[in-house]
Amino acid sequence: MSSLSTHVLDAVRGAPAREVAVTLYRGAEQLDSGTTDADGRIGALGGDLAAGTYRLVFDTGGYFAGQQVDTFYPEVSVAFAVTEERHYHVPLLLSPFAFSTYRGS
């Protein structure tokens, strides 16, 4: 089985994005949810993950509303494939009008 973590960084402030709600789905089924800590991290989501396609949904609208900043993206959805047994880390680099992600380590 595989494990999953995430990390959200606010590129405008140059700091971790704390208190971002994140939900994990497999298909339409919600598997788990959490909120980023003071370092912008969620250390574990979903427990042991079997092979398949998953989706992380980040509540970026809620985060930016808390910062009193307008955003073009009220949420960011990142689909990814679990293909082998390993730890998967999905970071999100965030600003009000752009975002990027990659498979971390």
PDB file of N, CA and C in Angstrom:
ATOM      1  N   MET A   1       0.835  -1.189   0.000  1.00  0.00           N
ATOM      2  CA  MET A   1       0.000   0.000   0.000  1.00  0.00           C
ATOM      3  C   MET A   1       0.875   1.246   0.000  1.00  0.00           C
ATOM      4  N   SER A   2       0.278   2.363  -0.360  1.00  0.00           N
ATOM      5  CA  SER A   2       0.991   3.626  -0.473  1.00  0.00           C
ATOM      6  C   SER A   2       0.421   4.643   0.499  1.00  0.00           C
ATOM      7  N   SER A   3       1.206   5.683   0.774  1.00  0.00           N
ATOM      8  CA  SER A   3       0.768   6.759   1.663  1.00  0.00           C
ATOM      9  C   SER A   3       0.840   8.094   0.918  1.00  0.00           C
ATOM     10  N   LEU A   4       0.189   9.108   1.491  1.00  0.00           N
ATOM     11  CA  LEU A   4       0.059  10.403   0.840  1.00  0.00           C
ATOM     12  C   LEU A   4       0.229  11.534   1.830  1.00  0.00           C
ATOM     13  N   SER A   5       0.949  12.571   1.408  1.00  0.00           N
ATOM     14  CA  SER A   5       1.042  13.818   2.170  1.00  0.00           C
ATOM     15  C   SER A   5       0.958  14.981   1.190  1.00  0.00           C
ATOM     16  N   THR A   6       0.740  16.193   1.738  1.00  0.00           N
ATOM     17  CA  THR A   6       0.686  17.387   0.908  1.00  0.00           C
ATOM     18  C   THR A   6       1.284  18.561   1.656  1.00  0.00           C
ATOM     19  N   HIS A   7       1.606  19.608   0.909  1.00  0.00           N
ATOM     20  CA  HIS A   7       2.219  20.814   1.450  1.00  0.00           C
ATOM     21  C   HIS A   7       1.753  21.967   0.574  1.00  0.00           C
ATOM     22  N   VAL A   8       1.254  23.037   1.186  1.00  0.00           N
ATOM     23  CA  VAL A   8       0.775  24.188   0.427  1.00  0.00           C
ATOM     24  C   VAL A   8       1.617  25.398   0.797  1.00  0.00           C
ATOM     25  N   LEU A   9       2.169  26.045  -0.238  1.00  0.00           N
ATOM     26  CA  LEU A   9       2.983  27.239  -0.044  1.00  0.00           C
ATOM     27  C   LEU A   9       2.319  28.429  -0.724  1.00  0.00           C
ATOM     28  N   ASP A  10       2.237  29.541  -0.027  1.00  0.00           N
ATOM     29  CA  ASP A  10       1.689  30.785  -0.555  1.00  0.00           C
ATOM     30  C   ASP A  10       2.838  31.542  -1.225  1.00  0.00           C
ATOM     31  N   ALA A  11       2.837  31.576  -2.553  1.00  0.00           N
ATOM     32  CA  ALA A  11       3.940  32.179  -3.301  1.00  0.00           C
ATOM     33  C   ALA A  11       3.974  33.695  -3.173  1.00  0.00           C
ATOM     34  N   VAL A  12       2.848  34.325  -2.903  1.00  0.00           N
ATOM     35  CA  VAL A  12       2.811  35.780  -2.760  1.00  0.00           C
ATOM     36  C   VAL A  12       3.445  36.198  -1.441  1.00  0.00           C
ATOM     37  N   ARG A  13       3.088  35.500  -0.379  1.00  0.00           N
ATOM     38  CA  ARG A  13       3.631  35.835   0.939  1.00  0.00           C
ATOM     39  C   ARG A  13       4.993  35.196   1.170  1.00  0.00           C
ATOM     40  N   GLY A  14       5.343  34.193   0.362  1.00  0.00           N
ATOM     41  CA  GLY A  14       6.599  33.485   0.573  1.00  0.00           C
ATOM     42  C   GLY A  14       6.604  32.729   1.880  1.00  0.00           C
ATOM     43  N   ALA A  15       5.453  32.116   2.195  1.00  0.00           N
ATOM     44  CA  ALA A  15       5.281  31.444   3.482  1.00  0.00           C
ATOM     45  C   ALA A  15       4.346  30.249   3.323  1.00  0.00           C
ATOM     46  N   PRO A  16       4.371  29.329   4.291  1.00  0.00           N
ATOM     47  CA  PRO A  16       3.417  28.218   4.252  1.00  0.00           C
ATOM     48  C   PRO A  16       1.980  28.743   4.307  1.00  0.00           C
ATOM     49  N   ALA A  17       1.090  28.047   3.620  1.00  0.00           N
ATOM     50  CA  ALA A  17      -0.334  28.388   3.651  1.00  0.00           C
ATOM     51  C   ALA A  17      -0.992  27.551   4.742  1.00  0.00           C
ATOM     52  N   ARG A  18      -1.253  28.168   5.854  1.00  0.00           N
ATOM     53  CA  ARG A  18      -1.843  27.448   6.985  1.00  0.00           C
ATOM     54  C   ARG A  18      -3.360  27.509   6.911  1.00  0.00           C
ATOM     55  N   GLU A  19      -3.983  26.476   7.467  1.00  0.00           N
ATOM     56  CA  GLU A  19      -5.445  26.354   7.567  1.00  0.00           C
ATOM     57  C   GLU A  19      -6.138  26.264   6.207  1.00  0.00           C
ATOM     58  N   VAL A  20      -5.504  25.566   5.263  1.00  0.00           N
ATOM     59  CA  VAL A  20      -6.155  25.268   3.980  1.00  0.00           C
ATOM     60  C   VAL A  20      -6.847  23.913   4.120  1.00  0.00           C
ATOM     61  N   ALA A  21      -8.148  23.885   3.881  1.00  0.00           N
ATOM     62  CA  ALA A  21      -8.895  22.631   3.913  1.00  0.00           C
ATOM     63  C   ALA A  21      -8.579  21.830   2.652  1.00  0.00           C
ATOM     64  N   VAL A  22      -8.288  20.538   2.830  1.00  0.00           N
ATOM     65  CA  VAL A  22      -7.937  19.651   1.724  1.00  0.00           C
ATOM     66  C   VAL A  22      -8.764  18.379   1.853  1.00  0.00           C
ATOM     67  N   THR A  23      -9.357  17.951   0.739  1.00  0.00           N
ATOM     68  CA  THR A  23     -10.177  16.742   0.730  1.00  0.00           C
ATOM     69  C   THR A  23      -9.621  15.773  -0.310  1.00  0.00           C
ATOM     70  N   LEU A  24      -9.559  14.495   0.061  1.00  0.00           N
ATOM     71  CA  LEU A  24      -9.079  13.436  -0.823  1.00  0.00           C
ATOM     72  C   LEU A  24     -10.263  12.613  -1.318  1.00  0.00           C
ATOM     73  N   TYR A  25     -10.305  12.403  -2.645  1.00  0.00           N
ATOM     74  CA  TYR A  25     -11.350  11.604  -3.281  1.00  0.00           C
ATOM     75  C   TYR A  25     -10.735  10.487  -4.100  1.00  0.00           C
ATOM     76  N   ARG A  26     -11.483   9.412  -4.222  1.00  0.00           N
ATOM     77  CA  ARG A  26     -11.227   8.383  -5.238  1.00  0.00           C
ATOM     78  C   ARG A  26     -12.531   8.251  -5.996  1.00  0.00           C
ATOM     79  N   GLY A  27     -12.532   8.707  -7.246  1.00  0.00           N
ATOM     80  CA  GLY A  27     -13.793   8.825  -7.980  1.00  0.00           C
ATOM     81  C   GLY A  27     -14.662   9.853  -7.273  1.00  0.00           C
ATOM     82  N   ALA A  28     -15.924   9.506  -7.028  1.00  0.00           N
ATOM     83  CA  ALA A  28     -16.836  10.411  -6.332  1.00  0.00           C
ATOM     84  C   ALA A  28     -16.808  10.216  -4.819  1.00  0.00           C
ATOM     85  N   GLU A  29     -16.074   9.205  -4.357  1.00  0.00           N
ATOM     86  CA  GLU A  29     -16.053   8.876  -2.929  1.00  0.00           C
ATOM     87  C   GLU A  29     -15.026   9.722  -2.173  1.00  0.00           C
ATOM     88  N   GLN A  30     -15.508  10.438  -1.156  1.00  0.00           N
ATOM     89  CA  GLN A  30     -14.607  11.185  -0.291  1.00  0.00           C
ATOM     90  C   GLN A  30     -13.950  10.216   0.680  1.00  0.00           C
ATOM     91  N   LEU A  31     -12.611  10.186   0.677  1.00  0.00           N
ATOM     92  CA  LEU A  31     -11.875   9.254   1.524  1.00  0.00           C
ATOM     93  C   LEU A  31     -11.403   9.875   2.827  1.00  0.00           C
ATOM     94  N   ASP A  32     -11.010  11.143   2.780  1.00  0.00           N
ATOM     95  CA  ASP A  32     -10.412  11.772   3.954  1.00  0.00           C
ATOM     96  C   ASP A  32     -10.376  13.280   3.733  1.00  0.00           C
ATOM     97  N   SER A  33     -10.147  14.008   4.805  1.00  0.00           N
ATOM     98  CA  SER A  33      -9.967  15.455   4.703  1.00  0.00           C
ATOM     99  C   SER A  33      -9.105  15.914   5.866  1.00  0.00           C
ATOM    100  N   GLY A  34      -8.539  17.079   5.709  1.00  0.00           N
ATOM    101  CA  GLY A  34      -7.708  17.650   6.755  1.00  0.00           C
ATOM    102  C   GLY A  34      -7.463  19.117   6.469  1.00  0.00           C
ATOM    103  N   THR A  35      -6.731  19.750   7.359  1.00  0.00           N
ATOM    104  CA  THR A  35      -6.394  21.164   7.241  1.00  0.00           C
ATOM    105  C   THR A  35      -4.899  21.314   7.439  1.00  0.00           C
ATOM    106  N   THR A  36      -4.269  22.130   6.603  1.00  0.00           N
ATOM    107  CA  THR A  36      -2.826  22.304   6.723  1.00  0.00           C
ATOM    108  C   THR A  36      -2.460  22.925   8.067  1.00  0.00           C
ATOM    109  N   ASP A  37      -1.314  22.513   8.573  1.00  0.00           N
ATOM    110  CA  ASP A  37      -0.830  23.005   9.861  1.00  0.00           C
ATOM    111  C   ASP A  37      -0.061  24.322   9.679  1.00  0.00           C
ATOM    112  N   ALA A  38       0.605  24.781  10.729  1.00  0.00           N
ATOM    113  CA  ALA A  38       1.331  26.047  10.692  1.00  0.00           C
ATOM    114  C   ALA A  38       2.446  26.049   9.654  1.00  0.00           C
ATOM    115  N   ASP A  39       2.924  24.869   9.273  1.00  0.00           N
ATOM    116  CA  ASP A  39       3.962  24.761   8.251  1.00  0.00           C
ATOM    117  C   ASP A  39       3.365  24.485   6.868  1.00  0.00           C
ATOM    118  N   GLY A  40       2.038  24.564   6.739  1.00  0.00           N
ATOM    119  CA  GLY A  40       1.365  24.342   5.460  1.00  0.00           C
ATOM    120  C   GLY A  40       1.267  22.883   5.064  1.00  0.00           C
ATOM    121  N   ARG A  41       1.425  21.985   6.023  1.00  0.00           N
ATOM    122  CA  ARG A  41       1.507  20.550   5.697  1.00  0.00           C
ATOM    123  C   ARG A  41       0.346  19.745   6.285  1.00  0.00           C
ATOM    124  N   ILE A  42       0.041  18.674   5.581  1.00  0.00           N
ATOM    125  CA  ILE A  42      -0.774  17.580   6.118  1.00  0.00           C
ATOM    126  C   ILE A  42       0.080  16.338   5.924  1.00  0.00           C
ATOM    127  N   GLY A  43       0.488  15.731   7.016  1.00  0.00           N
ATOM    128  CA  GLY A  43       1.443  14.636   6.973  1.00  0.00           C
ATOM    129  C   GLY A  43       0.896  13.325   6.459  1.00  0.00           C
ATOM    130  N   ALA A  44      -0.417  13.126   6.571  1.00  0.00           N
ATOM    131  CA  ALA A  44      -1.004  11.862   6.109  1.00  0.00           C
ATOM    132  C   ALA A  44      -2.469  12.084   5.756  1.00  0.00           C
ATOM    133  N   LEU A  45      -2.857  11.595   4.597  1.00  0.00           N
ATOM    134  CA  LEU A  45      -4.254  11.624   4.151  1.00  0.00           C
ATOM    135  C   LEU A  45      -4.597  10.267   3.557  1.00  0.00           C
ATOM    136  N   GLY A  46      -5.742   9.741   3.906  1.00  0.00           N
ATOM    137  CA  GLY A  46      -6.262   8.555   3.242  1.00  0.00           C
ATOM    138  C   GLY A  46      -5.763   7.219   3.734  1.00  0.00           C
ATOM    139  N   GLY A  47      -4.837   7.206   4.668  1.00  0.00           N
ATOM    140  CA  GLY A  47      -4.316   5.929   5.153  1.00  0.00           C
ATOM    141  C   GLY A  47      -3.556   5.198   4.062  1.00  0.00           C
ATOM    142  N   ASP A  48      -3.731   3.875   3.997  1.00  0.00           N
ATOM    143  CA  ASP A  48      -3.073   3.059   2.981  1.00  0.00           C
ATOM    144  C   ASP A  48      -3.847   3.158   1.670  1.00  0.00           C
ATOM    145  N   LEU A  49      -3.200   3.615   0.619  1.00  0.00           N
ATOM    146  CA  LEU A  49      -3.846   3.800  -0.683  1.00  0.00           C
ATOM    147  C   LEU A  49      -3.496   2.661  -1.628  1.00  0.00           C
ATOM    148  N   ALA A  50      -4.521   2.079  -2.212  1.00  0.00           N
ATOM    149  CA  ALA A  50      -4.327   1.059  -3.242  1.00  0.00           C
ATOM    150  C   ALA A  50      -4.058   1.753  -4.571  1.00  0.00           C
ATOM    151  N   ALA A  51      -3.593   1.009  -5.549  1.00  0.00           N
ATOM    152  CA  ALA A  51      -3.377   1.568  -6.884  1.00  0.00           C
ATOM    153  C   ALA A  51      -4.687   2.140  -7.414  1.00  0.00           C
ATOM    154  N   GLY A  52      -4.592   3.256  -8.126  1.00  0.00           N
ATOM    155  CA  GLY A  52      -5.779   3.884  -8.688  1.00  0.00           C
ATOM    156  C   GLY A  52      -5.580   5.370  -8.880  1.00  0.00           C
ATOM    157  N   THR A  53      -6.652   6.036  -9.310  1.00  0.00           N
ATOM    158  CA  THR A  53      -6.627   7.479  -9.533  1.00  0.00           C
ATOM    159  C   THR A  53      -7.333   8.175  -8.373  1.00  0.00           C
ATOM    160  N   TYR A  54      -6.676   9.185  -7.851  1.00  0.00           N
ATOM    161  CA  TYR A  54      -7.174   9.950  -6.706  1.00  0.00           C
ATOM    162  C   TYR A  54      -7.202  11.424  -7.074  1.00  0.00           C
ATOM    163  N   ARG A  55      -7.881  12.210  -6.212  1.00  0.00           N
ATOM    164  CA  ARG A  55      -7.971  13.652  -6.451  1.00  0.00           C
ATOM    165  C   ARG A  55      -7.901  14.377  -5.118  1.00  0.00           C
ATOM    166  N   LEU A  56      -7.028  15.364  -5.039  1.00  0.00           N
ATOM    167  CA  LEU A  56      -6.967  16.267  -3.896  1.00  0.00           C
ATOM    168  C   LEU A  56      -7.665  17.561  -4.282  1.00  0.00           C
ATOM    169  N   VAL A  57      -8.578  18.040  -3.433  1.00  0.00           N
ATOM    170  CA  VAL A  57      -9.264  19.309  -3.669  1.00  0.00           C
ATOM    171  C   VAL A  57      -8.873  20.261  -2.543  1.00  0.00           C
ATOM    172  N   PHE A  58      -8.250  21.372  -2.928  1.00  0.00           N
ATOM    173  CA  PHE A  58      -7.776  22.381  -1.989  1.00  0.00           C
ATOM    174  C   PHE A  58      -8.773  23.544  -1.964  1.00  0.00           C
ATOM    175  N   ASP A  59      -9.244  23.935  -0.788  1.00  0.00           N
ATOM    176  CA  ASP A  59     -10.181  25.056  -0.652  1.00  0.00           C
ATOM    177  C   ASP A  59      -9.398  26.372  -0.653  1.00  0.00           C
ATOM    178  N   THR A  60      -8.948  26.764  -1.827  1.00  0.00           N
ATOM    179  CA  THR A  60      -8.150  27.978  -1.955  1.00  0.00           C
ATOM    180  C   THR A  60      -8.992  29.235  -1.751  1.00  0.00           C
ATOM    181  N   GLY A  61     -10.263  29.168  -2.096  1.00  0.00           N
ATOM    182  CA  GLY A  61     -11.152  30.312  -1.874  1.00  0.00           C
ATOM    183  C   GLY A  61     -11.277  30.643  -0.401  1.00  0.00           C
ATOM    184  N   GLY A  62     -11.455  29.611   0.421  1.00  0.00           N
ATOM    185  CA  GLY A  62     -11.537  29.824   1.866  1.00  0.00           C
ATOM    186  C   GLY A  62     -10.248  30.378   2.439  1.00  0.00           C
ATOM    187  N   TYR A  63      -9.125  29.850   1.935  1.00  0.00           N
ATOM    188  CA  TYR A  63      -7.828  30.329   2.409  1.00  0.00           C
ATOM    189  C   TYR A  63      -7.642  31.811   2.085  1.00  0.00           C
ATOM    190  N   PHE A  64      -7.871  32.187   0.822  1.00  0.00           N
ATOM    191  CA  PHE A  64      -7.666  33.582   0.437  1.00  0.00           C
ATOM    192  C   PHE A  64      -8.696  34.517   1.078  1.00  0.00           C
ATOM    193  N   ALA A  65      -9.919  34.043   1.291  1.00  0.00           N
ATOM    194  CA  ALA A  65     -10.909  34.861   1.998  1.00  0.00           C
ATOM    195  C   ALA A  65     -10.405  35.196   3.402  1.00  0.00           C
ATOM    196  N   GLY A  66      -9.785  34.224   4.053  1.00  0.00           N
ATOM    197  CA  GLY A  66      -9.204  34.458   5.373  1.00  0.00           C
ATOM    198  C   GLY A  66      -8.062  35.452   5.350  1.00  0.00           C
ATOM    199  N   GLN A  67      -7.415  35.587   4.196  1.00  0.00           N
ATOM    200  CA  GLN A  67      -6.328  36.555   4.023  1.00  0.00           C
ATOM    201  C   GLN A  67      -6.862  37.900   3.517  1.00  0.00           C
ATOM    202  N   GLN A  68      -8.180  37.968   3.275  1.00  0.00           N
ATOM    203  CA  GLN A  68      -8.840  39.145   2.688  1.00  0.00           C
ATOM    204  C   GLN A  68      -8.225  39.491   1.324  1.00  0.00           C
ATOM    205  N   VAL A  69      -8.054  38.439   0.511  1.00  0.00           N
ATOM    206  CA  VAL A  69      -7.474  38.568  -0.822  1.00  0.00           C
ATOM    207  C   VAL A  69      -8.431  37.922  -1.823  1.00  0.00           C
ATOM    208  N   ASP A  70      -8.730  38.620  -2.905  1.00  0.00           N
ATOM    209  CA  ASP A  70      -9.552  38.045  -3.977  1.00  0.00           C
ATOM    210  C   ASP A  70      -8.731  37.008  -4.723  1.00  0.00           C
ATOM    211  N   THR A  71      -9.416  35.953  -5.204  1.00  0.00           N
ATOM    212  CA  THR A  71      -8.733  34.913  -5.970  1.00  0.00           C
ATOM    213  C   THR A  71      -9.570  34.508  -7.170  1.00  0.00           C
ATOM    214  N   PHE A  72      -8.909  34.115  -8.222  1.00  0.00           N
ATOM    215  CA  PHE A  72      -9.567  33.627  -9.421  1.00  0.00           C
ATOM    216  C   PHE A  72      -9.964  32.162  -9.272  1.00  0.00           C
ATOM    217  N   TYR A  73      -9.248  31.423  -8.420  1.00  0.00           N
ATOM    218  CA  TYR A  73      -9.466  29.988  -8.244  1.00  0.00           C
ATOM    219  C   TYR A  73     -10.066  29.700  -6.872  1.00  0.00           C
ATOM    220  N   PRO A  74     -11.384  29.475  -6.779  1.00  0.00           N
ATOM    221  CA  PRO A  74     -11.988  29.172  -5.477  1.00  0.00           C
ATOM    222  C   PRO A  74     -11.594  27.795  -4.941  1.00  0.00           C
ATOM    223  N   GLU A  75     -11.155  26.921  -5.845  1.00  0.00           N
ATOM    224  CA  GLU A  75     -10.608  25.638  -5.420  1.00  0.00           C
ATOM    225  C   GLU A  75      -9.626  25.154  -6.477  1.00  0.00           C
ATOM    226  N   VAL A  76      -8.698  24.319  -6.026  1.00  0.00           N
ATOM    227  CA  VAL A  76      -7.747  23.686  -6.925  1.00  0.00           C
ATOM    228  C   VAL A  76      -7.926  22.181  -6.769  1.00  0.00           C
ATOM    229  N   SER A  77      -8.119  21.501  -7.876  1.00  0.00           N
ATOM    230  CA  SER A  77      -8.279  20.055  -7.887  1.00  0.00           C
ATOM    231  C   SER A  77      -7.086  19.437  -8.609  1.00  0.00           C
ATOM    232  N   VAL A  78      -6.426  18.504  -7.938  1.00  0.00           N
ATOM    233  CA  VAL A  78      -5.251  17.849  -8.513  1.00  0.00           C
ATOM    234  C   VAL A  78      -5.506  16.342  -8.554  1.00  0.00           C
ATOM    235  N   ALA A  79      -5.627  15.802  -9.753  1.00  0.00           N
ATOM    236  CA  ALA A  79      -5.797  14.356  -9.925  1.00  0.00           C
ATOM    237  C   ALA A  79      -4.415  13.737 -10.122  1.00  0.00           C
ATOM    238  N   PHE A  80      -4.226  12.548  -9.542  1.00  0.00           N
ATOM    239  CA  PHE A  80      -2.928  11.872  -9.658  1.00  0.00           C
ATOM    240  C   PHE A  80      -3.151  10.366  -9.588  1.00  0.00           C
ATOM    241  N   ALA A  81      -2.180   9.632 -10.105  1.00  0.00           N
ATOM    242  CA  ALA A  81      -2.280   8.174 -10.157  1.00  0.00           C
ATOM    243  C   ALA A  81      -1.308   7.530  -9.177  1.00  0.00           C
ATOM    244  N   VAL A  82      -1.824   6.635  -8.372  1.00  0.00           N
ATOM    245  CA  VAL A  82      -0.998   5.781  -7.516  1.00  0.00           C
ATOM    246  C   VAL A  82      -0.741   4.515  -8.319  1.00  0.00           C
ATOM    247  N   THR A  83       0.510   4.277  -8.667  1.00  0.00           N
ATOM    248  CA  THR A  83       0.830   3.176  -9.566  1.00  0.00           C
ATOM    249  C   THR A  83       1.747   2.134  -8.946  1.00  0.00           C
ATOM    250  N   GLU A  84       2.403   2.501  -7.871  1.00  0.00           N
ATOM    251  CA  GLU A  84       3.312   1.565  -7.209  1.00  0.00           C
ATOM    252  C   GLU A  84       3.301   1.845  -5.716  1.00  0.00           C
ATOM    253  N   GLU A  85       3.756   0.895  -4.944  1.00  0.00           N
ATOM    254  CA  GLU A  85       3.810   1.078  -3.501  1.00  0.00           C
ATOM    255  C   GLU A  85       4.959   2.007  -3.155  1.00  0.00           C
ATOM    256  N   ARG A  86       4.611   3.172  -2.610  1.00  0.00           N
ATOM    257  CA  ARG A  86       5.594   4.172  -2.204  1.00  0.00           C
ATOM    258  C   ARG A  86       4.862   5.288  -1.471  1.00  0.00           C
ATOM    259  N   HIS A  87       5.597   6.264  -0.996  1.00  0.00           N
ATOM    260  CA  HIS A  87       4.992   7.460  -0.427  1.00  0.00           C
ATOM    261  C   HIS A  87       4.819   8.484  -1.537  1.00  0.00           C
ATOM    262  N   TYR A  88       3.628   9.063  -1.639  1.00  0.00           N
ATOM    263  CA  TYR A  88       3.339  10.113  -2.608  1.00  0.00           C
ATOM    264  C   TYR A  88       3.192  11.432  -1.865  1.00  0.00           C
ATOM    265  N   HIS A  89       3.883  12.456  -2.359  1.00  0.00           N
ATOM    266  CA  HIS A  89       3.802  13.794  -1.784  1.00  0.00           C
ATOM    267  C   HIS A  89       3.379  14.735  -2.904  1.00  0.00           C
ATOM    268  N   VAL A  90       2.269  15.468  -2.688  1.00  0.00           N
ATOM    269  CA  VAL A  90       1.711  16.352  -3.711  1.00  0.00           C
ATOM    270  C   VAL A  90       1.712  17.779  -3.172  1.00  0.00           C
ATOM    271  N   PRO A  91       2.763  18.557  -3.467  1.00  0.00           N
ATOM    272  CA  PRO A  91       2.820  19.946  -3.035  1.00  0.00           C
ATOM    273  C   PRO A  91       2.004  20.853  -3.960  1.00  0.00           C
ATOM    274  N   LEU A  92       1.538  21.962  -3.405  1.00  0.00           N
ATOM    275  CA  LEU A  92       0.818  22.974  -4.186  1.00  0.00           C
ATOM    276  C   LEU A  92       1.458  24.324  -3.901  1.00  0.00           C
ATOM    277  N   LEU A  93       1.902  24.994  -4.954  1.00  0.00           N
ATOM    278  CA  LEU A  93       2.433  26.352  -4.874  1.00  0.00           C
ATOM    279  C   LEU A  93       1.313  27.265  -5.350  1.00  0.00           C
ATOM    280  N   LEU A  94       0.928  28.218  -4.515  1.00  0.00           N
ATOM    281  CA  LEU A  94      -0.340  28.917  -4.694  1.00  0.00           C
ATOM    282  C   LEU A  94      -0.172  30.430  -4.711  1.00  0.00           C
ATOM    283  N   SER A  95      -0.917  31.093  -5.591  1.00  0.00           N
ATOM    284  CA  SER A  95      -1.094  32.542  -5.549  1.00  0.00           C
ATOM    285  C   SER A  95      -2.547  32.814  -5.955  1.00  0.00           C
ATOM    286  N   PRO A  96      -3.041  34.033  -5.807  1.00  0.00           N
ATOM    287  CA  PRO A  96      -4.450  34.286  -6.117  1.00  0.00           C
ATOM    288  C   PRO A  96      -4.829  34.036  -7.586  1.00  0.00           C
ATOM    289  N   PHE A  97      -3.850  34.109  -8.487  1.00  0.00           N
ATOM    290  CA  PHE A  97      -4.178  33.997  -9.910  1.00  0.00           C
ATOM    291  C   PHE A  97      -3.372  32.935 -10.631  1.00  0.00           C
ATOM    292  N   ALA A  98      -2.705  32.045  -9.882  1.00  0.00           N
ATOM    293  CA  ALA A  98      -1.928  30.964 -10.491  1.00  0.00           C
ATOM    294  C   ALA A  98      -1.648  29.890  -9.449  1.00  0.00           C
ATOM    295  N   PHE A  99      -1.368  28.678  -9.939  1.00  0.00           N
ATOM    296  CA  PHE A  99      -0.926  27.612  -9.044  1.00  0.00           C
ATOM    297  C   PHE A  99      -0.097  26.622  -9.849  1.00  0.00           C
ATOM    298  N   SER A 100       0.734  25.869  -9.148  1.00  0.00           N
ATOM    299  CA  SER A 100       1.474  24.781  -9.780  1.00  0.00           C
ATOM    300  C   SER A 100       1.627  23.647  -8.765  1.00  0.00           C
ATOM    301  N   THR A 101       1.864  22.469  -9.295  1.00  0.00           N
ATOM    302  CA  THR A 101       2.026  21.284  -8.464  1.00  0.00           C
ATOM    303  C   THR A 101       3.008  20.339  -9.149  1.00  0.00           C
ATOM    304  N   TYR A 102       3.499  19.373  -8.395  1.00  0.00           N
ATOM    305  CA  TYR A 102       4.415  18.391  -8.940  1.00  0.00           C
ATOM    306  C   TYR A 102       4.429  17.183  -8.009  1.00  0.00           C
ATOM    307  N   ARG A 103       5.004  16.080  -8.456  1.00  0.00           N
ATOM    308  CA  ARG A 103       5.154  14.925  -7.581  1.00  0.00           C
ATOM    309  C   ARG A 103       6.409  15.137  -6.758  1.00  0.00           C
ATOM    310  N   GLY A 104       6.222  15.351  -5.491  1.00  0.00           N
ATOM    311  CA  GLY A 104       7.328  15.574  -4.590  1.00  0.00           C
ATOM    312  C   GLY A 104       7.885  14.263  -4.072  1.00  0.00           C
ATOM    313  N   SER A 105       8.775  14.389  -3.119  1.00  0.00           N
ATOM    314  CA  SER A 105       9.396  13.183  -2.544  1.00  0.00           C
ATOM    315  C   SER A 105       9.190  13.139  -1.039  1.00  0.00           C
TER     316      SER A 105
END
